Amino acid sequence: MERRGCDGHLEKAANLLKQLDGRVDALGLGGANLFYHLGCRRYPFPAGQFLARQVKETPLVDGSGWKAYIDTQAVSQLSFLPLNSKALVVSVLDRFWLAQSLEDAGFSVLAGDAAFGLRLPLLLPLSTFKKLAYLTMPALCHLPLTYLYAPGSGTPQINRSLLDRCARIKIIAGDWRFIRRFILPALKGKVIITSGTNVADRELLHRSGAAWLLTTTPLFAGINPAANAMEAALVALGLQPPQYLEQARKYGWLPSLQQL
């Protein structure tokens, strides 16, 4: 398993995919979903579809299968929290299944898509977000990649209003890049649900005062790979999505809770 980052550059990613096509067992696409998922609906993301067209032979996945079948298992480890605790999912369109699982478990879920994707000072209840998204996604899914992807090297962008609104939120879940870049100062005492962290990231979370880290992917040599890398590994083993959870249990590749 190897990660090759392109720091959000679409053409660079396209060229890399062309080079690797037919030479590896599976490809995991990070930072640009093939589709955005909302309930039983899915909306094609042009940047992801463009990248997918560069690949002719090798199976290409974006982590959605892992998020649908494995991410949701994380919620069972939150039984120590009071029901109706507030949970912020920084991008529901990226992790719809996790957001829905949190709500089904009795947590009060807020969608951060408008705040983190569109840079609007809005945190919407999940039910409200779904209604609005059904109406607007046919247009919004065409937004440029730069609106929806926060490269790891980006400068922190602190929004004081957003930080204040996070004060009463107990769970923050979703893409680590968004969490680190936009609300790192607001993590004290919180449970963080994410993937794609390394030793330095976990030290950063500890210094920020976060109480717990719930990773949705297993730990390999100090790194929790992103969901797309884990799904690519399962595909390389010849598995289909309905088999993911069984295999993840077999290998011990399940969400892991650690106190910081």
C-alpha atoms as a PDB file:
ATOM      1  CA  MET A   1       0.000   0.000   0.000  1.00  0.00           C
ATOM      2  CA  GLU A   2       1.416   3.377  -0.989  1.00  0.00           C
ATOM      3  CA  ARG A   3       0.069   6.924  -0.780  1.00  0.00           C
ATOM      4  CA  ARG A   4       0.943   9.458  -3.444  1.00  0.00           C
ATOM      5  CA  GLY A   5      -0.486  12.890  -2.749  1.00  0.00           C
ATOM      6  CA  CYS A   6      -1.212  15.583  -5.356  1.00  0.00           C
ATOM      7  CA  ASP A   7      -2.148  18.369  -2.890  1.00  0.00           C
ATOM      8  CA  GLY A   8      -5.485  18.975  -4.597  1.00  0.00           C
ATOM      9  CA  HIS A   9      -4.094  19.446  -8.128  1.00  0.00           C
ATOM     10  CA  LEU A  10      -6.552  17.839 -10.535  1.00  0.00           C
ATOM     11  CA  GLU A  11      -4.301  17.551 -13.601  1.00  0.00           C
ATOM     12  CA  LYS A  12      -1.454  16.121 -11.541  1.00  0.00           C
ATOM     13  CA  ALA A  13      -3.808  13.500 -10.137  1.00  0.00           C
ATOM     14  CA  ALA A  14      -5.100  12.660 -13.632  1.00  0.00           C
ATOM     15  CA  ASN A  15      -1.575  12.127 -14.944  1.00  0.00           C
ATOM     16  CA  LEU A  16      -0.670   9.955 -11.962  1.00  0.00           C
ATOM     17  CA  LEU A  17      -3.746   7.787 -12.430  1.00  0.00           C
ATOM     18  CA  LYS A  18      -2.866   7.282 -16.086  1.00  0.00           C
ATOM     19  CA  GLN A  19       0.646   6.202 -15.120  1.00  0.00           C
ATOM     20  CA  LEU A  20      -0.583   3.705 -12.520  1.00  0.00           C
ATOM     21  CA  ASP A  21      -3.472   2.279 -14.535  1.00  0.00           C
ATOM     22  CA  GLY A  22      -2.846  -1.377 -15.303  1.00  0.00           C
ATOM     23  CA  ARG A  23       0.260  -1.478 -13.101  1.00  0.00           C
ATOM     24  CA  VAL A  24      -1.317  -1.875  -9.647  1.00  0.00           C
ATOM     25  CA  ASP A  25      -4.025  -4.117  -8.194  1.00  0.00           C
ATOM     26  CA  ALA A  26      -6.363  -1.284  -7.127  1.00  0.00           C
ATOM     27  CA  LEU A  27      -6.477   2.505  -6.935  1.00  0.00           C
ATOM     28  CA  GLY A  28      -7.974   4.555  -4.106  1.00  0.00           C
ATOM     29  CA  LEU A  29      -9.010   8.111  -4.972  1.00  0.00           C
ATOM     30  CA  GLY A  30      -8.823  10.631  -2.128  1.00  0.00           C
ATOM     31  CA  GLY A  31      -9.986  14.242  -2.028  1.00  0.00           C
ATOM     32  CA  ALA A  32     -12.453  13.941  -4.937  1.00  0.00           C
ATOM     33  CA  ASN A  33     -15.401  11.624  -4.545  1.00  0.00           C
ATOM     34  CA  LEU A  34     -16.808   9.876  -7.583  1.00  0.00           C
ATOM     35  CA  PHE A  35     -20.297  10.601  -6.257  1.00  0.00           C
ATOM     36  CA  TYR A  36     -21.830  12.470  -3.351  1.00  0.00           C
ATOM     37  CA  HIS A  37     -24.283  10.323  -1.418  1.00  0.00           C
ATOM     38  CA  LEU A  38     -27.435  11.465   0.341  1.00  0.00           C
ATOM     39  CA  GLY A  39     -29.793   8.735   1.452  1.00  0.00           C
ATOM     40  CA  CYS A  40     -30.622   6.533  -1.514  1.00  0.00           C
ATOM     41  CA  ARG A  41     -29.598   9.264  -3.966  1.00  0.00           C
ATOM     42  CA  ARG A  42     -26.176   9.934  -5.393  1.00  0.00           C
ATOM     43  CA  TYR A  43     -24.893  12.891  -7.370  1.00  0.00           C
ATOM     44  CA  PRO A  44     -21.916  12.574  -9.749  1.00  0.00           C
ATOM     45  CA  PHE A  45     -19.050  14.894  -8.905  1.00  0.00           C
ATOM     46  CA  PRO A  46     -17.496  16.202 -12.154  1.00  0.00           C
ATOM     47  CA  ALA A  47     -13.918  16.285 -10.826  1.00  0.00           C
ATOM     48  CA  GLY A  48     -14.193  12.707  -9.591  1.00  0.00           C
ATOM     49  CA  GLN A  49     -15.783  11.561 -12.840  1.00  0.00           C
ATOM     50  CA  PHE A  50     -12.999  13.265 -14.817  1.00  0.00           C
ATOM     51  CA  LEU A  51     -10.378  11.393 -12.821  1.00  0.00           C
ATOM     52  CA  ALA A  52     -12.259   8.115 -13.173  1.00  0.00           C
ATOM     53  CA  ARG A  53     -12.159   8.469 -16.966  1.00  0.00           C
ATOM     54  CA  GLN A  54      -8.354   8.363 -16.829  1.00  0.00           C
ATOM     55  CA  VAL A  55      -8.459   4.769 -15.582  1.00  0.00           C
ATOM     56  CA  LYS A  56      -9.237   2.007 -18.070  1.00  0.00           C
ATOM     57  CA  GLU A  57      -8.000  -1.235 -16.470  1.00  0.00           C
ATOM     58  CA  THR A  58      -7.400  -1.008 -12.719  1.00  0.00           C
ATOM     59  CA  PRO A  59     -10.352  -0.971 -10.264  1.00  0.00           C
ATOM     60  CA  LEU A  60     -10.813   2.550  -8.889  1.00  0.00           C
ATOM     61  CA  VAL A  61     -12.631   3.314  -5.607  1.00  0.00           C
ATOM     62  CA  ASP A  62     -13.094   6.487  -3.577  1.00  0.00           C
ATOM     63  CA  GLY A  63     -13.696   5.008  -0.116  1.00  0.00           C
ATOM     64  CA  SER A  64     -17.499   5.210  -0.254  1.00  0.00           C
ATOM     65  CA  GLY A  65     -17.819   1.461   0.202  1.00  0.00           C
ATOM     66  CA  TRP A  66     -15.684   1.565   3.328  1.00  0.00           C
ATOM     67  CA  LYS A  67     -17.661   4.534   4.676  1.00  0.00           C
ATOM     68  CA  ALA A  68     -20.968   2.758   4.043  1.00  0.00           C
ATOM     69  CA  TYR A  69     -20.022  -0.573   5.620  1.00  0.00           C
ATOM     70  CA  ILE A  70     -17.242   0.141   8.150  1.00  0.00           C
ATOM     71  CA  ASP A  71     -17.474   3.794   9.294  1.00  0.00           C
ATOM     72  CA  THR A  72     -20.914   3.132  10.721  1.00  0.00           C
ATOM     73  CA  GLN A  73     -19.473   0.535  13.121  1.00  0.00           C
ATOM     74  CA  ALA A  74     -17.729   3.363  14.979  1.00  0.00           C
ATOM     75  CA  VAL A  75     -20.960   4.627  16.520  1.00  0.00           C
ATOM     76  CA  SER A  76     -21.351   1.548  18.748  1.00  0.00           C
ATOM     77  CA  GLN A  77     -18.259   2.681  20.695  1.00  0.00           C
ATOM     78  CA  LEU A  78     -19.909   5.929  21.817  1.00  0.00           C
ATOM     79  CA  SER A  79     -22.237   4.376  24.391  1.00  0.00           C
ATOM     80  CA  PHE A  80     -20.412   6.262  27.187  1.00  0.00           C
ATOM     81  CA  LEU A  81     -21.818   9.562  25.874  1.00  0.00           C
ATOM     82  CA  PRO A  82     -25.263  10.863  26.878  1.00  0.00           C
ATOM     83  CA  LEU A  83     -27.971  10.427  24.280  1.00  0.00           C
ATOM     84  CA  ASN A  84     -28.839  13.592  22.391  1.00  0.00           C
ATOM     85  CA  SER A  85     -25.230  14.809  22.662  1.00  0.00           C
ATOM     86  CA  LYS A  86     -24.534  17.137  19.746  1.00  0.00           C
ATOM     87  CA  ALA A  87     -22.458  15.776  16.876  1.00  0.00           C
ATOM     88  CA  LEU A  88     -21.042  17.829  14.019  1.00  0.00           C
ATOM     89  CA  VAL A  89     -20.291  16.008  10.762  1.00  0.00           C
ATOM     90  CA  VAL A  90     -18.117  18.429   8.811  1.00  0.00           C
ATOM     91  CA  SER A  91     -19.313  17.085   5.453  1.00  0.00           C
ATOM     92  CA  VAL A  92     -22.433  14.927   5.397  1.00  0.00           C
ATOM     93  CA  LEU A  93     -22.118  14.533   1.626  1.00  0.00           C
ATOM     94  CA  ASP A  94     -18.755  12.862   2.226  1.00  0.00           C
ATOM     95  CA  ARG A  95     -19.877  10.698   5.156  1.00  0.00           C
ATOM     96  CA  PHE A  96     -23.648  10.403   4.927  1.00  0.00           C
ATOM     97  CA  TRP A  97     -23.745   6.910   6.409  1.00  0.00           C
ATOM     98  CA  LEU A  98     -21.807   7.972   9.502  1.00  0.00           C
ATOM     99  CA  ALA A  99     -24.060  10.998   9.992  1.00  0.00           C
ATOM    100  CA  GLN A 100     -27.183   8.869   9.684  1.00  0.00           C
ATOM    101  CA  SER A 101     -25.773   6.258  12.075  1.00  0.00           C
ATOM    102  CA  LEU A 102     -25.055   8.939  14.663  1.00  0.00           C
ATOM    103  CA  GLU A 103     -28.618  10.222  14.382  1.00  0.00           C
ATOM    104  CA  ASP A 104     -30.065   6.703  14.551  1.00  0.00           C
ATOM    105  CA  ALA A 105     -28.060   6.132  17.748  1.00  0.00           C
ATOM    106  CA  GLY A 106     -29.772   9.098  19.385  1.00  0.00           C
ATOM    107  CA  PHE A 107     -27.269  11.891  18.859  1.00  0.00           C
ATOM    108  CA  SER A 108     -28.295  15.352  17.655  1.00  0.00           C
ATOM    109  CA  VAL A 109     -26.479  15.688  14.323  1.00  0.00           C
ATOM    110  CA  LEU A 110     -25.467  18.942  12.655  1.00  0.00           C
ATOM    111  CA  ALA A 111     -24.266  19.126   9.049  1.00  0.00           C
ATOM    112  CA  GLY A 112     -21.207  21.287   8.440  1.00  0.00           C
ATOM    113  CA  ASP A 113     -21.299  21.212   4.643  1.00  0.00           C
ATOM    114  CA  ALA A 114     -22.343  24.852   4.280  1.00  0.00           C
ATOM    115  CA  ALA A 115     -19.719  26.039   6.776  1.00  0.00           C
ATOM    116  CA  PHE A 116     -16.790  23.951   5.572  1.00  0.00           C
ATOM    117  CA  GLY A 117     -17.613  23.565   1.881  1.00  0.00           C
ATOM    118  CA  LEU A 118     -19.348  26.850   1.005  1.00  0.00           C
ATOM    119  CA  ARG A 119     -17.733  28.912   3.798  1.00  0.00           C
ATOM    120  CA  LEU A 120     -21.133  30.054   5.072  1.00  0.00           C
ATOM    121  CA  PRO A 121     -21.670  30.436   8.853  1.00  0.00           C
ATOM    122  CA  LEU A 122     -24.340  27.723   8.973  1.00  0.00           C
ATOM    123  CA  LEU A 123     -24.557  24.469  10.914  1.00  0.00           C
ATOM    124  CA  LEU A 124     -27.810  22.796   9.940  1.00  0.00           C
ATOM    125  CA  PRO A 125     -29.704  19.951  11.637  1.00  0.00           C
ATOM    126  CA  LEU A 126     -29.312  16.806   9.569  1.00  0.00           C
ATOM    127  CA  SER A 127     -33.024  16.661   8.702  1.00  0.00           C
ATOM    128  CA  THR A 128     -32.982  20.267   7.449  1.00  0.00           C
ATOM    129  CA  PHE A 129     -29.777  19.732   5.518  1.00  0.00           C
ATOM    130  CA  LYS A 130     -31.187  16.707   3.706  1.00  0.00           C
ATOM    131  CA  LYS A 131     -34.258  18.633   2.576  1.00  0.00           C
ATOM    132  CA  LEU A 132     -32.171  21.533   1.275  1.00  0.00           C
ATOM    133  CA  ALA A 133     -29.596  19.260  -0.330  1.00  0.00           C
ATOM    134  CA  TYR A 134     -32.233  17.353  -2.302  1.00  0.00           C
ATOM    135  CA  LEU A 135     -33.206  20.682  -3.885  1.00  0.00           C
ATOM    136  CA  THR A 136     -29.754  22.180  -4.430  1.00  0.00           C
ATOM    137  CA  MET A 137     -27.375  19.294  -5.104  1.00  0.00           C
ATOM    138  CA  PRO A 138     -28.050  19.062  -8.861  1.00  0.00           C
ATOM    139  CA  ALA A 139     -26.370  22.481  -9.083  1.00  0.00           C
ATOM    140  CA  LEU A 140     -23.964  22.418  -6.125  1.00  0.00           C
ATOM    141  CA  CYS A 141     -22.288  19.179  -7.171  1.00  0.00           C
ATOM    142  CA  HIS A 142     -20.700  21.170 -10.019  1.00  0.00           C
ATOM    143  CA  LEU A 143     -18.756  23.436  -7.663  1.00  0.00           C
ATOM    144  CA  PRO A 144     -14.977  23.448  -8.266  1.00  0.00           C
ATOM    145  CA  LEU A 145     -12.869  20.971  -6.352  1.00  0.00           C
ATOM    146  CA  THR A 146     -11.229  23.806  -4.394  1.00  0.00           C
ATOM    147  CA  TYR A 147     -14.522  24.466  -2.600  1.00  0.00           C
ATOM    148  CA  LEU A 148     -14.758  20.916  -1.359  1.00  0.00           C
ATOM    149  CA  TYR A 149     -11.166  19.895  -0.708  1.00  0.00           C
ATOM    150  CA  ALA A 150      -8.847  21.294   1.958  1.00  0.00           C
ATOM    151  CA  PRO A 151      -5.245  20.344   1.090  1.00  0.00           C
ATOM    152  CA  GLY A 152      -3.226  19.236   4.084  1.00  0.00           C
ATOM    153  CA  SER A 153      -0.635  21.966   3.565  1.00  0.00           C
ATOM    154  CA  GLY A 154      -3.209  24.752   3.619  1.00  0.00           C
ATOM    155  CA  THR A 155      -2.983  27.593   6.116  1.00  0.00           C
ATOM    156  CA  PRO A 156      -5.429  27.339   9.052  1.00  0.00           C
ATOM    157  CA  GLN A 157      -8.524  29.461   8.425  1.00  0.00           C
ATOM    158  CA  ILE A 158     -10.039  30.305  11.779  1.00  0.00           C
ATOM    159  CA  ASN A 159     -13.656  31.469  11.869  1.00  0.00           C
ATOM    160  CA  ARG A 160     -14.394  32.779  15.360  1.00  0.00           C
ATOM    161  CA  SER A 161     -18.161  32.483  14.909  1.00  0.00           C
ATOM    162  CA  LEU A 162     -17.801  28.852  13.886  1.00  0.00           C
ATOM    163  CA  LEU A 163     -15.514  28.124  16.831  1.00  0.00           C
ATOM    164  CA  ASP A 164     -18.058  29.628  19.229  1.00  0.00           C
ATOM    165  CA  ARG A 165     -20.826  27.480  17.778  1.00  0.00           C
ATOM    166  CA  CYS A 166     -18.712  24.362  18.377  1.00  0.00           C
ATOM    167  CA  ALA A 167     -18.574  25.024  22.123  1.00  0.00           C
ATOM    168  CA  ARG A 168     -21.572  22.825  22.977  1.00  0.00           C
ATOM    169  CA  ILE A 169     -20.803  20.114  20.443  1.00  0.00           C
ATOM    170  CA  LYS A 170     -19.424  16.886  21.921  1.00  0.00           C
ATOM    171  CA  ILE A 171     -18.619  14.879  18.772  1.00  0.00           C
ATOM    172  CA  ILE A 172     -16.838  16.167  15.685  1.00  0.00           C
ATOM    173  CA  ALA A 173     -16.684  13.745  12.780  1.00  0.00           C
ATOM    174  CA  GLY A 174     -15.446  13.704   9.216  1.00  0.00           C
ATOM    175  CA  ASP A 175     -12.499  14.705   7.070  1.00  0.00           C
ATOM    176  CA  TRP A 176      -9.401  15.371   9.173  1.00  0.00           C
ATOM    177  CA  ARG A 177      -8.165  18.113   6.801  1.00  0.00           C
ATOM    178  CA  PHE A 178     -11.298  20.174   7.408  1.00  0.00           C
ATOM    179  CA  ILE A 179     -11.154  19.634  11.177  1.00  0.00           C
ATOM    180  CA  ARG A 180      -7.484  20.601  11.412  1.00  0.00           C
ATOM    181  CA  ARG A 181      -7.726  23.598   9.110  1.00  0.00           C
ATOM    182  CA  PHE A 182     -10.920  25.224  10.345  1.00  0.00           C
ATOM    183  CA  ILE A 183     -11.747  24.265  13.946  1.00  0.00           C
ATOM    184  CA  LEU A 184      -8.615  22.866  15.620  1.00  0.00           C
ATOM    185  CA  PRO A 185      -8.831  25.441  18.445  1.00  0.00           C
ATOM    186  CA  ALA A 186     -12.364  24.224  19.314  1.00  0.00           C
ATOM    187  CA  LEU A 187     -11.599  20.560  20.055  1.00  0.00           C
ATOM    188  CA  LYS A 188     -11.057  20.655  23.823  1.00  0.00           C
ATOM    189  CA  GLY A 189     -12.893  17.813  25.568  1.00  0.00           C
ATOM    190  CA  LYS A 190     -14.420  16.489  22.343  1.00  0.00           C
ATOM    191  CA  VAL A 191     -14.630  13.090  20.680  1.00  0.00           C
ATOM    192  CA  ILE A 192     -13.098  13.188  17.199  1.00  0.00           C
ATOM    193  CA  ILE A 193     -14.201  10.621  14.589  1.00  0.00           C
ATOM    194  CA  THR A 194     -11.963  10.589  11.539  1.00  0.00           C
ATOM    195  CA  SER A 195      -9.342   8.704   9.523  1.00  0.00           C
ATOM    196  CA  GLY A 196      -6.114   9.539   7.740  1.00  0.00           C
ATOM    197  CA  THR A 197      -4.175  10.564  10.869  1.00  0.00           C
ATOM    198  CA  ASN A 198      -0.532   9.927  11.734  1.00  0.00           C
ATOM    199  CA  VAL A 199       1.518  10.184  14.926  1.00  0.00           C
ATOM    200  CA  ALA A 200       2.017  13.950  14.527  1.00  0.00           C
ATOM    201  CA  ASP A 201      -1.720  14.450  13.974  1.00  0.00           C
ATOM    202  CA  ARG A 202      -2.568  12.565  17.150  1.00  0.00           C
ATOM    203  CA  GLU A 203      -0.036  14.592  19.103  1.00  0.00           C
ATOM    204  CA  LEU A 204      -1.665  17.732  17.689  1.00  0.00           C
ATOM    205  CA  LEU A 205      -5.085  16.500  18.828  1.00  0.00           C
ATOM    206  CA  HIS A 206      -3.680  15.807  22.290  1.00  0.00           C
ATOM    207  CA  ARG A 207      -2.234  19.330  22.519  1.00  0.00           C
ATOM    208  CA  SER A 208      -5.539  20.782  21.336  1.00  0.00           C
ATOM    209  CA  GLY A 209      -7.266  19.163  24.313  1.00  0.00           C
ATOM    210  CA  ALA A 210      -9.393  16.622  22.418  1.00  0.00           C
ATOM    211  CA  ALA A 211     -10.501  13.875  24.806  1.00  0.00           C
ATOM    212  CA  TRP A 212     -10.984  10.873  22.514  1.00  0.00           C
ATOM    213  CA  LEU A 213     -10.043   9.844  18.991  1.00  0.00           C
ATOM    214  CA  LEU A 214     -12.251   7.301  17.238  1.00  0.00           C
ATOM    215  CA  THR A 215     -10.534   6.215  14.034  1.00  0.00           C
ATOM    216  CA  THR A 216     -12.632   4.540  11.357  1.00  0.00           C
ATOM    217  CA  THR A 217      -9.635   2.718   9.842  1.00  0.00           C
ATOM    218  CA  PRO A 218      -7.021   0.487  11.509  1.00  0.00           C
ATOM    219  CA  LEU A 219      -3.565   1.528  12.633  1.00  0.00           C
ATOM    220  CA  PHE A 220      -0.581   0.563  10.458  1.00  0.00           C
ATOM    221  CA  ALA A 221       2.908   1.695  11.568  1.00  0.00           C
ATOM    222  CA  GLY A 222       1.451   4.716  13.322  1.00  0.00           C
ATOM    223  CA  ILE A 223      -0.864   5.717  10.459  1.00  0.00           C
ATOM    224  CA  ASN A 224      -4.630   5.369  10.098  1.00  0.00           C
ATOM    225  CA  PRO A 225      -5.060   5.226   6.293  1.00  0.00           C
ATOM    226  CA  ALA A 226      -7.867   7.089   4.596  1.00  0.00           C
ATOM    227  CA  ALA A 227     -11.047   5.205   3.701  1.00  0.00           C
ATOM    228  CA  ASN A 228     -10.161   5.116   0.003  1.00  0.00           C
ATOM    229  CA  ALA A 229      -6.875   3.332   0.732  1.00  0.00           C
ATOM    230  CA  MET A 230      -8.611   0.715   2.878  1.00  0.00           C
ATOM    231  CA  GLU A 231     -11.308   0.095   0.272  1.00  0.00           C
ATOM    232  CA  ALA A 232      -8.621  -0.252  -2.397  1.00  0.00           C
ATOM    233  CA  ALA A 233      -6.909  -2.865  -0.222  1.00  0.00           C
ATOM    234  CA  LEU A 234     -10.151  -4.855   0.023  1.00  0.00           C
ATOM    235  CA  VAL A 235     -10.712  -4.597  -3.733  1.00  0.00           C
ATOM    236  CA  ALA A 236      -7.138  -5.807  -4.308  1.00  0.00           C
ATOM    237  CA  LEU A 237      -8.109  -8.886  -2.285  1.00  0.00           C
ATOM    238  CA  GLY A 238     -10.943  -9.505  -4.737  1.00  0.00           C
ATOM    239  CA  LEU A 239     -13.784  -8.432  -2.443  1.00  0.00           C
ATOM    240  CA  GLN A 240     -17.081  -6.688  -3.187  1.00  0.00           C
ATOM    241  CA  PRO A 241     -18.776  -4.149  -0.853  1.00  0.00           C
ATOM    242  CA  PRO A 242     -21.179  -6.644   0.813  1.00  0.00           C
ATOM    243  CA  GLN A 243     -18.093  -8.616   1.913  1.00  0.00           C
ATOM    244  CA  TYR A 244     -16.224  -5.648   3.391  1.00  0.00           C
ATOM    245  CA  LEU A 245     -17.486  -5.846   6.978  1.00  0.00           C
ATOM    246  CA  GLU A 246     -16.946  -9.590   7.315  1.00  0.00           C
ATOM    247  CA  GLN A 247     -13.371  -9.250   6.047  1.00  0.00           C
ATOM    248  CA  ALA A 248     -12.684  -6.201   8.205  1.00  0.00           C
ATOM    249  CA  ARG A 249     -13.758  -8.169  11.266  1.00  0.00           C
ATOM    250  CA  LYS A 250     -11.576 -11.093  10.221  1.00  0.00           C
ATOM    251  CA  TYR A 251      -8.474  -8.914   9.964  1.00  0.00           C
ATOM    252  CA  GLY A 252      -9.307  -6.658  12.932  1.00  0.00           C
ATOM    253  CA  TRP A 253      -9.747  -3.663  10.645  1.00  0.00           C
ATOM    254  CA  LEU A 254     -12.545  -2.065  12.670  1.00  0.00           C
ATOM    255  CA  PRO A 255     -12.921   1.417  14.173  1.00  0.00           C
ATOM    256  CA  SER A 256     -10.745   1.964  17.221  1.00  0.00           C
ATOM    257  CA  LEU A 257     -11.326   4.290  20.191  1.00  0.00           C
ATOM    258  CA  GLN A 258      -8.373   5.767  22.066  1.00  0.00           C
ATOM    259  CA  GLN A 259      -8.168   8.274  24.877  1.00  0.00           C
ATOM    260  CA  LEU A 260      -5.876  11.207  24.126  1.00  0.00           C
END
